[in-house]
């Protein structure tokens, strides 16, 4: 499975924010959890429905979004 297939965007769930498929956890929430210094092990204790593949999919989604950002060289 392509990692990005683990991420879904549905306007009826969390106002269309990208979520881990089958959950209401947004990509941003997963990344913010880890960015605050909590470990992946802590994430899995707090959210047992997540898998390592889900976390990697969140990273892949964020990386793909980063590649699409346009930079204005004049700015």
N, C-alpha and C. Protein backbone atom coordinates (compact mmCIF):
# COMPACT_ATOMS: atom_id res chain seq x y z
N UNK A 1 0.84 -1.18 0.00
CA UNK A 1 0.00 0.00 0.00
C UNK A 1 0.88 1.25 0.00
N UNK A 2 0.52 2.18 -0.83
CA UNK A 2 1.18 3.48 -0.85
C UNK A 2 0.89 4.16 0.49
N UNK A 3 1.91 4.68 1.16
CA UNK A 3 1.69 5.31 2.47
C UNK A 3 0.61 6.39 2.43
N UNK A 4 0.53 7.13 1.34
CA UNK A 4 -0.45 8.21 1.28
C UNK A 4 -1.88 7.69 1.22
N UNK A 5 -2.07 6.41 0.90
CA UNK A 5 -3.41 5.83 0.92
C UNK A 5 -3.94 5.67 2.34
N UNK A 6 -3.07 5.80 3.33
CA UNK A 6 -3.48 5.73 4.73
C UNK A 6 -4.05 7.06 5.23
N UNK A 7 -3.95 8.09 4.41
CA UNK A 7 -4.44 9.41 4.78
C UNK A 7 -5.70 9.70 3.96
N UNK A 8 -6.75 10.16 4.64
CA UNK A 8 -7.98 10.47 3.93
C UNK A 8 -8.38 11.92 4.20
N UNK A 9 -9.06 12.48 3.22
CA UNK A 9 -9.61 13.82 3.35
C UNK A 9 -11.09 13.74 3.01
N UNK A 10 -11.91 14.01 4.00
CA UNK A 10 -13.36 13.93 3.85
C UNK A 10 -13.95 15.19 4.47
N UNK A 11 -14.65 15.99 3.67
CA UNK A 11 -15.21 17.23 4.20
C UNK A 11 -16.13 17.02 5.41
N UNK A 12 -16.67 15.82 5.57
CA UNK A 12 -17.58 15.53 6.68
C UNK A 12 -16.84 15.14 7.96
N UNK A 13 -15.53 14.94 7.87
CA UNK A 13 -14.74 14.54 9.04
C UNK A 13 -13.69 15.61 9.30
N UNK A 14 -13.75 16.17 10.49
CA UNK A 14 -12.78 17.19 10.95
C UNK A 14 -12.62 18.33 9.94
N UNK A 15 -13.74 18.72 9.34
CA UNK A 15 -13.78 19.85 8.41
C UNK A 15 -12.85 19.67 7.21
N UNK A 16 -12.62 18.41 6.81
CA UNK A 16 -11.81 18.14 5.63
C UNK A 16 -10.32 18.15 5.86
N UNK A 17 -9.90 18.21 7.12
CA UNK A 17 -8.46 18.13 7.40
C UNK A 17 -7.99 16.71 7.10
N UNK A 18 -6.76 16.55 6.62
CA UNK A 18 -6.25 15.20 6.36
C UNK A 18 -6.14 14.40 7.65
N UNK A 19 -6.73 13.21 7.64
CA UNK A 19 -6.77 12.33 8.83
C UNK A 19 -6.18 10.97 8.50
N UNK A 20 -5.73 10.30 9.54
CA UNK A 20 -5.32 8.91 9.38
C UNK A 20 -6.60 8.13 9.07
N UNK A 21 -6.58 7.38 7.97
CA UNK A 21 -7.77 6.66 7.51
C UNK A 21 -8.37 5.81 8.63
N UNK A 22 -9.68 5.91 8.78
CA UNK A 22 -10.39 5.12 9.78
C UNK A 22 -10.37 5.73 11.17
N UNK A 23 -9.78 6.92 11.30
CA UNK A 23 -9.74 7.60 12.59
C UNK A 23 -10.18 9.05 12.40
N UNK A 24 -10.28 9.76 13.49
CA UNK A 24 -10.54 11.20 13.44
C UNK A 24 -9.28 11.99 13.82
N UNK A 25 -8.15 11.30 13.86
CA UNK A 25 -6.87 11.95 14.18
C UNK A 25 -6.31 12.59 12.92
N UNK A 26 -6.01 13.89 13.03
CA UNK A 26 -5.47 14.57 11.86
C UNK A 26 -3.95 14.34 11.76
N UNK A 27 -3.47 14.51 10.55
CA UNK A 27 -2.03 14.42 10.32
C UNK A 27 -1.32 15.43 11.22
N UNK A 28 -1.87 16.63 11.30
CA UNK A 28 -1.27 17.67 12.13
C UNK A 28 -1.19 17.29 13.60
N UNK A 29 -2.22 16.64 14.11
CA UNK A 29 -2.21 16.22 15.51
C UNK A 29 -1.13 15.18 15.78
N UNK A 30 -0.99 14.24 14.87
CA UNK A 30 0.03 13.21 15.04
C UNK A 30 1.42 13.84 15.01
N UNK A 31 1.65 14.72 14.03
CA UNK A 31 2.97 15.35 13.92
C UNK A 31 3.25 16.28 15.09
N UNK A 32 2.25 17.03 15.53
CA UNK A 32 2.44 17.92 16.67
C UNK A 32 2.75 17.13 17.93
N UNK A 33 2.09 16.00 18.11
CA UNK A 33 2.34 15.13 19.27
C UNK A 33 3.81 14.76 19.33
N UNK A 34 4.34 14.34 18.19
CA UNK A 34 5.75 13.92 18.14
C UNK A 34 6.69 15.13 18.21
N UNK A 35 6.28 16.25 17.62
CA UNK A 35 7.13 17.44 17.61
C UNK A 35 7.31 18.05 18.99
N UNK A 36 6.40 17.76 19.90
CA UNK A 36 6.52 18.30 21.25
C UNK A 36 7.45 17.47 22.11
N UNK A 37 8.05 16.44 21.52
CA UNK A 37 9.04 15.65 22.25
C UNK A 37 8.53 14.33 22.79
N UNK A 38 7.25 14.08 22.60
CA UNK A 38 6.74 12.78 23.05
C UNK A 38 7.23 11.70 22.09
N UNK A 39 7.37 10.51 22.62
CA UNK A 39 7.91 9.42 21.81
C UNK A 39 6.80 8.73 21.01
N UNK A 40 7.24 7.98 20.02
CA UNK A 40 6.30 7.18 19.24
C UNK A 40 5.62 6.15 20.15
N UNK A 41 6.36 5.60 21.10
CA UNK A 41 5.78 4.63 22.04
C UNK A 41 4.65 5.28 22.84
N UNK A 42 4.85 6.53 23.28
CA UNK A 42 3.81 7.24 24.01
C UNK A 42 2.59 7.48 23.12
N UNK A 43 2.84 7.79 21.86
CA UNK A 43 1.76 8.00 20.91
C UNK A 43 0.89 6.75 20.81
N UNK A 44 1.54 5.59 20.72
CA UNK A 44 0.80 4.34 20.57
C UNK A 44 0.03 3.96 21.84
N UNK A 45 0.54 4.38 23.00
CA UNK A 45 -0.20 4.14 24.25
C UNK A 45 -1.45 5.01 24.27
N UNK A 46 -1.30 6.28 23.89
CA UNK A 46 -2.44 7.19 23.91
C UNK A 46 -3.42 6.94 22.78
N UNK A 47 -2.93 6.44 21.65
CA UNK A 47 -3.77 6.20 20.48
C UNK A 47 -3.48 4.80 19.93
N UNK A 48 -3.99 3.77 20.60
CA UNK A 48 -3.68 2.40 20.20
C UNK A 48 -4.18 2.01 18.81
N UNK A 49 -5.06 2.81 18.25
CA UNK A 49 -5.56 2.50 16.91
C UNK A 49 -4.54 2.83 15.82
N UNK A 50 -3.49 3.56 16.18
CA UNK A 50 -2.46 3.92 15.21
C UNK A 50 -1.40 2.83 15.10
N UNK A 51 -0.79 2.76 13.93
CA UNK A 51 0.33 1.85 13.71
C UNK A 51 1.54 2.66 13.26
N UNK A 52 2.67 2.02 13.24
CA UNK A 52 3.89 2.68 12.76
C UNK A 52 3.70 3.13 11.32
N UNK A 53 3.03 2.31 10.52
CA UNK A 53 2.77 2.68 9.12
C UNK A 53 1.92 3.95 9.04
N UNK A 54 1.00 4.15 9.97
CA UNK A 54 0.20 5.37 9.99
C UNK A 54 1.08 6.59 10.27
N UNK A 55 1.99 6.46 11.21
CA UNK A 55 2.89 7.57 11.54
C UNK A 55 3.77 7.89 10.34
N UNK A 56 4.30 6.88 9.68
CA UNK A 56 5.13 7.11 8.49
C UNK A 56 4.30 7.76 7.38
N UNK A 57 3.04 7.39 7.28
CA UNK A 57 2.16 8.00 6.29
C UNK A 57 1.96 9.49 6.59
N UNK A 58 1.87 9.85 7.86
CA UNK A 58 1.77 11.26 8.23
C UNK A 58 3.01 12.02 7.81
N UNK A 59 4.19 11.43 8.03
CA UNK A 59 5.43 12.05 7.58
C UNK A 59 5.45 12.19 6.06
N UNK A 60 5.03 11.14 5.36
CA UNK A 60 5.03 11.17 3.89
C UNK A 60 4.07 12.24 3.38
N UNK A 61 2.91 12.36 4.01
CA UNK A 61 1.94 13.38 3.61
C UNK A 61 2.53 14.78 3.80
N UNK A 62 3.14 15.02 4.95
CA UNK A 62 3.74 16.32 5.23
C UNK A 62 4.88 16.62 4.24
N UNK A 63 5.67 15.62 3.93
CA UNK A 63 6.78 15.82 2.98
C UNK A 63 6.25 16.14 1.59
N UNK A 64 5.19 15.45 1.17
CA UNK A 64 4.60 15.71 -0.14
C UNK A 64 4.02 17.12 -0.19
N UNK A 65 3.39 17.54 0.90
CA UNK A 65 2.82 18.89 0.95
C UNK A 65 3.95 19.93 0.89
N UNK A 66 5.03 19.66 1.57
CA UNK A 66 6.18 20.57 1.59
C UNK A 66 6.75 20.76 0.17
N UNK A 67 6.78 19.68 -0.59
CA UNK A 67 7.31 19.76 -1.96
C UNK A 67 6.43 20.64 -2.85
N UNK A 68 5.14 20.76 -2.51
CA UNK A 68 4.22 21.53 -3.34
C UNK A 68 4.21 23.02 -3.00
N UNK A 69 4.87 23.42 -1.95
CA UNK A 69 4.87 24.82 -1.56
C UNK A 69 5.72 25.63 -2.55
N UNK A 70 5.13 26.67 -3.04
CA UNK A 70 5.85 27.56 -3.96
C UNK A 70 6.59 28.61 -3.17
N UNK A 71 7.78 28.87 -3.56
CA UNK A 71 8.58 29.92 -2.92
C UNK A 71 8.74 31.05 -3.90
N UNK A 72 8.44 32.25 -3.45
CA UNK A 72 8.61 33.43 -4.28
C UNK A 72 10.01 33.99 -4.04
N UNK A 73 10.91 33.87 -5.02
CA UNK A 73 12.28 34.31 -4.79
C UNK A 73 12.39 35.81 -4.53
N UNK A 74 11.38 36.59 -4.89
CA UNK A 74 11.41 38.03 -4.67
C UNK A 74 11.04 38.39 -3.22
N UNK A 75 10.54 37.44 -2.49
CA UNK A 75 10.08 37.75 -1.13
C UNK A 75 11.21 37.83 -0.15
